[in-house]
Amino acid sequence: MTNTWKGSGKVWKPSLDSSCRKPRLGRDAELRDANGTPVLNFPVATDTGFGDRQNTMWLNAALWCKRAQAMASMLSKGQFVAATGELSQRKYEKDGQTRTSLELRVAEIDLGPKSSSDTGSGAASLEQKDEMPF
């Protein structure tokens, strides 16, 4: 599996800093334009720990190019997804304080039911392989 980001000339391959999560979407995905390249952004929540030490971790996820356009209408709040990709950390300032944000640059994504009560007839999958529709 390889991904090439438009204009970068780089080929992305999974490495030790890859992450595999099965998060829930925190809101509907938002498709926008980043200097002529479509990007689909969506926040995802995943639970870590157990019992009294259970915590919810939030990540911002980004899906790029043609797959972003293809998946835009399929990702909605509360839906379960299995996403793999590269984790990146971004620092920014807000109200005079330095903050940190984690982002998952999605390489592969599999869709699950919209909620735990939705059993659906099957999960949609969109991976970068030869049988992709675009």
N, C-alpha and C. Protein backbone atom coordinates (compact mmCIF):
# COMPACT_ATOMS: atom_id res chain seq x y z
N MET A 1 0.85 -1.18 0.00
CA MET A 1 0.00 0.00 0.00
C MET A 1 0.89 1.24 0.00
N THR A 2 0.60 2.16 -0.87
CA THR A 2 1.31 3.43 -0.88
C THR A 2 0.32 4.54 -1.16
N ASN A 3 0.62 5.69 -0.65
CA ASN A 3 -0.17 6.89 -0.91
C ASN A 3 0.77 7.96 -1.43
N THR A 4 0.33 8.72 -2.40
CA THR A 4 1.10 9.85 -2.88
C THR A 4 0.26 11.09 -2.70
N TRP A 5 0.78 12.09 -2.00
CA TRP A 5 0.05 13.33 -1.83
C TRP A 5 0.40 14.28 -2.95
N LYS A 6 -0.63 14.89 -3.53
CA LYS A 6 -0.48 15.78 -4.67
C LYS A 6 0.54 16.88 -4.37
N GLY A 7 1.48 17.02 -5.26
CA GLY A 7 2.44 18.11 -5.14
C GLY A 7 3.62 17.82 -4.23
N SER A 8 3.53 16.79 -3.39
CA SER A 8 4.62 16.55 -2.46
C SER A 8 5.73 15.72 -3.09
N GLY A 9 5.35 14.87 -4.05
CA GLY A 9 6.34 14.00 -4.66
C GLY A 9 6.79 12.88 -3.74
N LYS A 10 6.19 12.78 -2.53
CA LYS A 10 6.56 11.77 -1.57
C LYS A 10 5.60 10.60 -1.64
N VAL A 11 6.12 9.43 -1.38
CA VAL A 11 5.27 8.24 -1.27
C VAL A 11 5.24 7.88 0.20
N TRP A 12 4.02 7.74 0.74
CA TRP A 12 3.86 7.43 2.15
C TRP A 12 3.75 5.94 2.32
N LYS A 13 4.49 5.39 3.26
CA LYS A 13 4.39 3.98 3.60
C LYS A 13 4.20 3.88 5.11
N PRO A 14 3.36 2.94 5.57
CA PRO A 14 3.15 2.79 7.00
C PRO A 14 4.47 2.54 7.71
N SER A 15 4.59 3.08 8.91
CA SER A 15 5.80 2.90 9.69
C SER A 15 5.42 2.72 11.15
N LEU A 16 6.39 2.75 12.02
CA LEU A 16 6.11 2.57 13.44
C LEU A 16 5.25 3.68 14.03
N ASP A 17 5.21 4.86 13.40
CA ASP A 17 4.39 5.94 13.93
C ASP A 17 2.98 5.92 13.34
N SER A 18 2.61 4.81 12.69
CA SER A 18 1.24 4.66 12.19
C SER A 18 0.33 4.35 13.36
N SER A 19 -0.95 4.62 13.18
CA SER A 19 -1.91 4.36 14.23
C SER A 19 -3.13 3.67 13.64
N CYS A 20 -3.68 2.75 14.38
CA CYS A 20 -4.91 2.08 13.96
C CYS A 20 -5.92 2.24 15.09
N ARG A 21 -7.02 2.89 14.81
CA ARG A 21 -8.04 3.17 15.82
C ARG A 21 -9.39 2.75 15.28
N LYS A 22 -10.36 2.52 16.18
CA LYS A 22 -11.74 2.29 15.76
C LYS A 22 -12.60 3.35 16.45
N PRO A 23 -12.51 4.56 15.96
CA PRO A 23 -13.19 5.67 16.63
C PRO A 23 -14.61 5.90 16.13
N ARG A 24 -15.29 6.78 16.84
CA ARG A 24 -16.61 7.29 16.46
C ARG A 24 -16.42 8.71 15.96
N LEU A 25 -17.19 9.09 14.97
CA LEU A 25 -17.11 10.45 14.46
C LEU A 25 -17.82 11.41 15.41
N GLY A 26 -17.18 12.52 15.73
CA GLY A 26 -17.74 13.50 16.65
C GLY A 26 -18.72 14.46 15.98
N ARG A 27 -18.62 14.60 14.67
CA ARG A 27 -19.56 15.42 13.89
C ARG A 27 -19.45 14.98 12.44
N ASP A 28 -20.35 15.48 11.61
CA ASP A 28 -20.28 15.15 10.19
C ASP A 28 -18.96 15.64 9.61
N ALA A 29 -18.43 14.89 8.66
CA ALA A 29 -17.18 15.28 8.00
C ALA A 29 -17.38 16.56 7.19
N GLU A 30 -16.31 17.36 7.10
CA GLU A 30 -16.36 18.64 6.39
C GLU A 30 -15.34 18.63 5.25
N LEU A 31 -15.84 18.77 4.02
CA LEU A 31 -14.98 18.80 2.84
C LEU A 31 -14.60 20.24 2.55
N ARG A 32 -13.30 20.49 2.39
CA ARG A 32 -12.84 21.83 2.06
C ARG A 32 -11.73 21.74 1.03
N ASP A 33 -11.29 22.89 0.56
CA ASP A 33 -10.26 22.99 -0.45
C ASP A 33 -8.99 23.54 0.20
N ALA A 34 -7.88 22.84 0.05
CA ALA A 34 -6.59 23.29 0.59
C ALA A 34 -5.66 23.54 -0.59
N ASN A 35 -5.65 24.79 -1.05
CA ASN A 35 -4.80 25.18 -2.19
C ASN A 35 -5.03 24.30 -3.41
N GLY A 36 -6.31 24.05 -3.72
CA GLY A 36 -6.65 23.27 -4.90
C GLY A 36 -6.76 21.78 -4.69
N THR A 37 -6.46 21.30 -3.48
CA THR A 37 -6.54 19.88 -3.17
C THR A 37 -7.68 19.64 -2.21
N PRO A 38 -8.62 18.75 -2.53
CA PRO A 38 -9.71 18.45 -1.61
C PRO A 38 -9.19 17.75 -0.34
N VAL A 39 -9.69 18.17 0.80
CA VAL A 39 -9.36 17.53 2.07
C VAL A 39 -10.63 17.39 2.89
N LEU A 40 -10.82 16.22 3.46
CA LEU A 40 -11.99 15.92 4.27
C LEU A 40 -11.52 15.83 5.72
N ASN A 41 -12.03 16.72 6.57
CA ASN A 41 -11.66 16.75 7.98
C ASN A 41 -12.81 16.25 8.83
N PHE A 42 -12.48 15.47 9.85
CA PHE A 42 -13.50 15.00 10.79
C PHE A 42 -12.84 14.65 12.13
N PRO A 43 -13.50 15.03 13.24
CA PRO A 43 -12.97 14.67 14.55
C PRO A 43 -13.43 13.27 14.94
N VAL A 44 -12.54 12.51 15.55
CA VAL A 44 -12.87 11.16 15.97
C VAL A 44 -12.54 10.97 17.45
N ALA A 45 -13.37 10.20 18.13
CA ALA A 45 -13.18 9.92 19.55
C ALA A 45 -12.95 8.42 19.72
N THR A 46 -11.98 8.08 20.54
CA THR A 46 -11.73 6.68 20.86
C THR A 46 -11.50 6.57 22.36
N ASP A 47 -12.02 5.52 22.94
CA ASP A 47 -11.88 5.32 24.38
C ASP A 47 -10.59 4.58 24.67
N THR A 48 -9.91 5.01 25.73
CA THR A 48 -8.69 4.36 26.19
C THR A 48 -8.87 4.00 27.65
N GLY A 49 -8.13 3.04 28.12
CA GLY A 49 -8.23 2.62 29.51
C GLY A 49 -9.48 1.80 29.77
N PHE A 50 -9.76 1.59 31.06
CA PHE A 50 -10.93 0.83 31.44
C PHE A 50 -11.34 1.21 32.86
N GLY A 51 -12.55 0.87 33.22
CA GLY A 51 -13.05 1.14 34.57
C GLY A 51 -12.99 2.61 34.93
N ASP A 52 -12.47 2.90 36.14
CA ASP A 52 -12.35 4.27 36.62
C ASP A 52 -11.35 5.09 35.81
N ARG A 53 -10.48 4.44 35.11
CA ARG A 53 -9.42 5.12 34.35
C ARG A 53 -9.75 5.26 32.86
N GLN A 54 -11.02 5.03 32.51
CA GLN A 54 -11.40 5.18 31.10
C GLN A 54 -11.43 6.65 30.72
N ASN A 55 -10.90 6.94 29.55
CA ASN A 55 -10.80 8.31 29.07
C ASN A 55 -11.11 8.32 27.58
N THR A 56 -11.63 9.43 27.11
CA THR A 56 -11.89 9.58 25.67
C THR A 56 -10.81 10.46 25.07
N MET A 57 -10.16 9.96 24.03
CA MET A 57 -9.12 10.71 23.34
C MET A 57 -9.70 11.19 22.01
N TRP A 58 -9.50 12.47 21.71
CA TRP A 58 -9.98 13.06 20.46
C TRP A 58 -8.82 13.29 19.51
N LEU A 59 -9.03 12.92 18.25
CA LEU A 59 -8.06 13.18 17.19
C LEU A 59 -8.78 13.87 16.05
N ASN A 60 -8.08 14.73 15.37
CA ASN A 60 -8.58 15.28 14.12
C ASN A 60 -8.05 14.38 13.01
N ALA A 61 -8.92 13.99 12.10
CA ALA A 61 -8.51 13.12 11.00
C ALA A 61 -8.65 13.88 9.69
N ALA A 62 -7.76 13.58 8.75
CA ALA A 62 -7.79 14.23 7.44
C ALA A 62 -7.60 13.18 6.36
N LEU A 63 -8.48 13.23 5.37
CA LEU A 63 -8.43 12.36 4.21
C LEU A 63 -8.28 13.26 2.99
N TRP A 64 -7.39 12.92 2.07
CA TRP A 64 -7.02 13.83 0.99
C TRP A 64 -7.43 13.35 -0.40
N CYS A 65 -7.47 14.27 -1.33
CA CYS A 65 -7.63 14.07 -2.78
C CYS A 65 -8.96 13.42 -3.15
N LYS A 66 -8.94 12.54 -4.15
CA LYS A 66 -10.17 11.96 -4.68
C LYS A 66 -10.93 11.16 -3.64
N ARG A 67 -10.21 10.51 -2.73
CA ARG A 67 -10.89 9.75 -1.69
C ARG A 67 -11.65 10.67 -0.75
N ALA A 68 -11.16 11.87 -0.54
CA ALA A 68 -11.87 12.85 0.29
C ALA A 68 -13.22 13.17 -0.33
N GLN A 69 -13.23 13.41 -1.63
CA GLN A 69 -14.48 13.71 -2.32
C GLN A 69 -15.43 12.52 -2.30
N ALA A 70 -14.90 11.32 -2.49
CA ALA A 70 -15.73 10.12 -2.54
C ALA A 70 -16.36 9.81 -1.18
N MET A 71 -15.66 10.09 -0.11
CA MET A 71 -16.13 9.73 1.24
C MET A 71 -16.93 10.83 1.92
N ALA A 72 -16.96 12.02 1.37
CA ALA A 72 -17.58 13.17 2.05
C ALA A 72 -19.02 12.91 2.48
N SER A 73 -19.81 12.30 1.65
CA SER A 73 -21.22 12.08 1.99
C SER A 73 -21.44 10.83 2.83
N MET A 74 -20.40 10.04 3.04
CA MET A 74 -20.55 8.77 3.76
C MET A 74 -20.24 8.85 5.25
N LEU A 75 -19.56 9.92 5.68
CA LEU A 75 -19.13 10.02 7.07
C LEU A 75 -20.03 10.97 7.85
N SER A 76 -20.74 10.43 8.85
CA SER A 76 -21.65 11.27 9.63
C SER A 76 -21.46 11.01 11.12
N LYS A 77 -21.88 11.97 11.91
CA LYS A 77 -21.72 11.95 13.36
C LYS A 77 -22.20 10.63 13.97
N GLY A 78 -21.38 10.09 14.88
CA GLY A 78 -21.72 8.88 15.60
C GLY A 78 -21.32 7.59 14.92
N GLN A 79 -20.91 7.68 13.66
CA GLN A 79 -20.55 6.49 12.90
C GLN A 79 -19.23 5.92 13.40
N PHE A 80 -19.14 4.59 13.42
CA PHE A 80 -17.88 3.93 13.75
C PHE A 80 -17.06 3.79 12.49
N VAL A 81 -15.75 4.00 12.61
CA VAL A 81 -14.83 3.83 11.49
C VAL A 81 -13.57 3.15 11.98
N ALA A 82 -12.94 2.40 11.11
CA ALA A 82 -11.62 1.85 11.39
C ALA A 82 -10.68 2.60 10.46
N ALA A 83 -9.79 3.37 11.03
CA ALA A 83 -8.90 4.20 10.22
C ALA A 83 -7.45 3.92 10.59
N THR A 84 -6.61 3.85 9.57
CA THR A 84 -5.17 3.73 9.80
C THR A 84 -4.49 4.87 9.09
N GLY A 85 -3.34 5.25 9.60
CA GLY A 85 -2.59 6.32 8.97
C GLY A 85 -1.48 6.81 9.86
N GLU A 86 -0.91 7.91 9.48
CA GLU A 86 0.22 8.50 10.19
C GLU A 86 -0.27 9.54 11.18
N LEU A 87 0.20 9.45 12.41
CA LEU A 87 -0.12 10.46 13.42
C LEU A 87 0.85 11.61 13.30
N SER A 88 0.33 12.81 13.38
CA SER A 88 1.19 13.99 13.41
C SER A 88 0.73 14.90 14.54
N GLN A 89 1.64 15.67 15.06
CA GLN A 89 1.36 16.58 16.16
C GLN A 89 1.57 18.00 15.69
N ARG A 90 0.61 18.87 16.01
CA ARG A 90 0.70 20.26 15.60
C ARG A 90 0.57 21.13 16.84
N LYS A 91 1.46 22.11 16.96
CA LYS A 91 1.39 23.06 18.06
C LYS A 91 0.86 24.38 17.54
N TYR A 92 0.02 25.02 18.34
CA TYR A 92 -0.54 26.31 17.97
C TYR A 92 -0.78 27.13 19.24
N GLU A 93 -0.99 28.42 19.08
CA GLU A 93 -1.25 29.30 20.21
C GLU A 93 -2.70 29.73 20.22
N LYS A 94 -3.30 29.70 21.40
CA LYS A 94 -4.67 30.16 21.60
C LYS A 94 -4.74 30.82 22.96
N ASP A 95 -5.22 32.04 22.96
CA ASP A 95 -5.33 32.82 24.21
C ASP A 95 -4.00 32.90 24.95
N GLY A 96 -2.91 33.03 24.19
CA GLY A 96 -1.59 33.18 24.78
C GLY A 96 -0.97 31.89 25.30
N GLN A 97 -1.64 30.76 25.12
CA GLN A 97 -1.12 29.48 25.58
C GLN A 97 -0.79 28.59 24.39
N THR A 98 0.31 27.87 24.49
CA THR A 98 0.68 26.92 23.46
C THR A 98 -0.11 25.64 23.69
N ARG A 99 -0.79 25.19 22.64
CA ARG A 99 -1.59 23.98 22.71
C ARG A 99 -1.10 22.98 21.68
N THR A 100 -1.49 21.73 21.87
CA THR A 100 -1.09 20.66 20.97
C THR A 100 -2.32 19.95 20.43
N SER A 101 -2.27 19.64 19.15
CA SER A 101 -3.36 18.93 18.49
C SER A 101 -2.77 17.71 17.78
N LEU A 102 -3.45 16.56 17.90
CA LEU A 102 -3.04 15.37 17.17
C LEU A 102 -3.90 15.22 15.93
N GLU A 103 -3.26 14.84 14.82
CA GLU A 103 -4.00 14.62 13.58
C GLU A 103 -3.62 13.27 13.01
N LEU A 104 -4.62 12.55 12.53
CA LEU A 104 -4.40 11.29 11.85
C LEU A 104 -4.54 11.54 10.36
N ARG A 105 -3.45 11.38 9.63
CA ARG A 105 -3.49 11.49 8.16
C ARG A 105 -3.91 10.13 7.64
N VAL A 106 -5.17 10.02 7.28
CA VAL A 106 -5.79 8.74 6.97
C VAL A 106 -5.22 8.13 5.69
N ALA A 107 -4.77 6.88 5.79
CA ALA A 107 -4.30 6.13 4.64
C ALA A 107 -5.36 5.12 4.20
N GLU A 108 -6.03 4.49 5.16
CA GLU A 108 -7.09 3.54 4.88
C GLU A 108 -8.24 3.78 5.84
N ILE A 109 -9.46 3.56 5.37
CA ILE A 109 -10.63 3.76 6.21
C ILE A 109 -11.69 2.72 5.86
N ASP A 110 -12.28 2.12 6.87
CA ASP A 110 -13.39 1.19 6.72
C ASP A 110 -14.54 1.72 7.54
N LEU A 111 -15.73 1.75 6.95
CA LEU A 111 -16.89 2.29 7.64
C LEU A 111 -17.64 1.20 8.37
N GLY A 112 -18.12 1.55 9.56
CA GLY A 112 -18.95 0.66 10.35
C GLY A 112 -20.35 1.24 10.45
N PRO A 113 -21.16 0.69 11.35
CA PRO A 113 -22.52 1.20 11.52
C PRO A 113 -22.51 2.63 12.06
N LYS A 114 -23.61 3.34 11.85
CA LYS A 114 -23.70 4.73 12.31
C LYS A 114 -23.78 4.83 13.82
N SER A 115 -24.26 3.80 14.51
CA SER A 115 -24.27 3.78 15.97
C SER A 115 -24.24 2.33 16.42
N SER A 116 -24.11 2.11 17.71
CA SER A 116 -24.03 0.74 18.20
C SER A 116 -25.33 -0.02 17.98
N SER A 117 -26.46 0.68 17.80
CA SER A 117 -27.74 0.01 17.57
C SER A 117 -27.99 -0.26 16.09
N ASP A 118 -27.20 0.33 15.20
CA ASP A 118 -27.35 0.15 13.75
C ASP A 118 -26.50 -1.04 13.33
N THR A 119 -27.14 -2.12 12.94
CA THR A 119 -26.39 -3.31 12.56
C THR A 119 -26.03 -3.34 11.10
N GLY A 120 -26.69 -2.55 10.29
CA GLY A 120 -26.33 -2.41 8.87
C GLY A 120 -26.15 -3.73 8.16
N SER A 121 -26.22 -3.74 6.87
CA SER A 121 -26.09 -4.98 6.11
C SER A 121 -24.64 -5.25 5.71
N GLY A 122 -23.75 -4.34 6.04
CA GLY A 122 -22.35 -4.54 5.71
C GLY A 122 -21.61 -3.24 5.79
N ALA A 123 -20.31 -3.32 5.95
CA ALA A 123 -19.50 -2.11 6.06
C ALA A 123 -18.94 -1.74 4.69
N ALA A 124 -18.92 -0.46 4.42
CA ALA A 124 -18.31 0.02 3.18
C ALA A 124 -16.81 0.12 3.42
N SER A 125 -16.05 -0.04 2.40
CA SER A 125 -14.61 0.04 2.53
C SER A 125 -14.05 0.78 1.33
N LEU A 126 -13.07 1.63 1.58
CA LEU A 126 -12.42 2.33 0.49
C LEU A 126 -10.93 2.36 0.80
N GLU A 127 -10.17 1.56 0.08
CA GLU A 127 -8.74 1.49 0.26
C GLU A 127 -8.09 1.85 -1.07
N GLN A 128 -6.83 2.22 -1.00
CA GLN A 128 -6.13 2.54 -2.25
C GLN A 128 -5.57 1.26 -2.84
N LYS A 129 -6.33 0.66 -3.73
CA LYS A 129 -5.93 -0.53 -4.46
C LYS A 129 -6.31 -0.33 -5.91
N ASP A 130 -5.97 -1.29 -6.76
CA ASP A 130 -6.25 -1.16 -8.18
C ASP A 130 -7.74 -1.12 -8.50
N GLU A 131 -8.60 -1.72 -7.64
CA GLU A 131 -10.02 -1.75 -7.95
C GLU A 131 -10.78 -0.50 -7.51
N MET A 132 -10.09 0.57 -7.17
CA MET A 132 -10.76 1.79 -6.76
C MET A 132 -11.54 2.39 -7.93
N PRO A 133 -12.71 2.99 -7.66
CA PRO A 133 -13.57 3.48 -8.72
C PRO A 133 -13.10 4.77 -9.39
N PHE A 134 -11.97 5.31 -9.03
CA PHE A 134 -11.50 6.54 -9.66
C PHE A 134 -10.03 6.47 -9.95
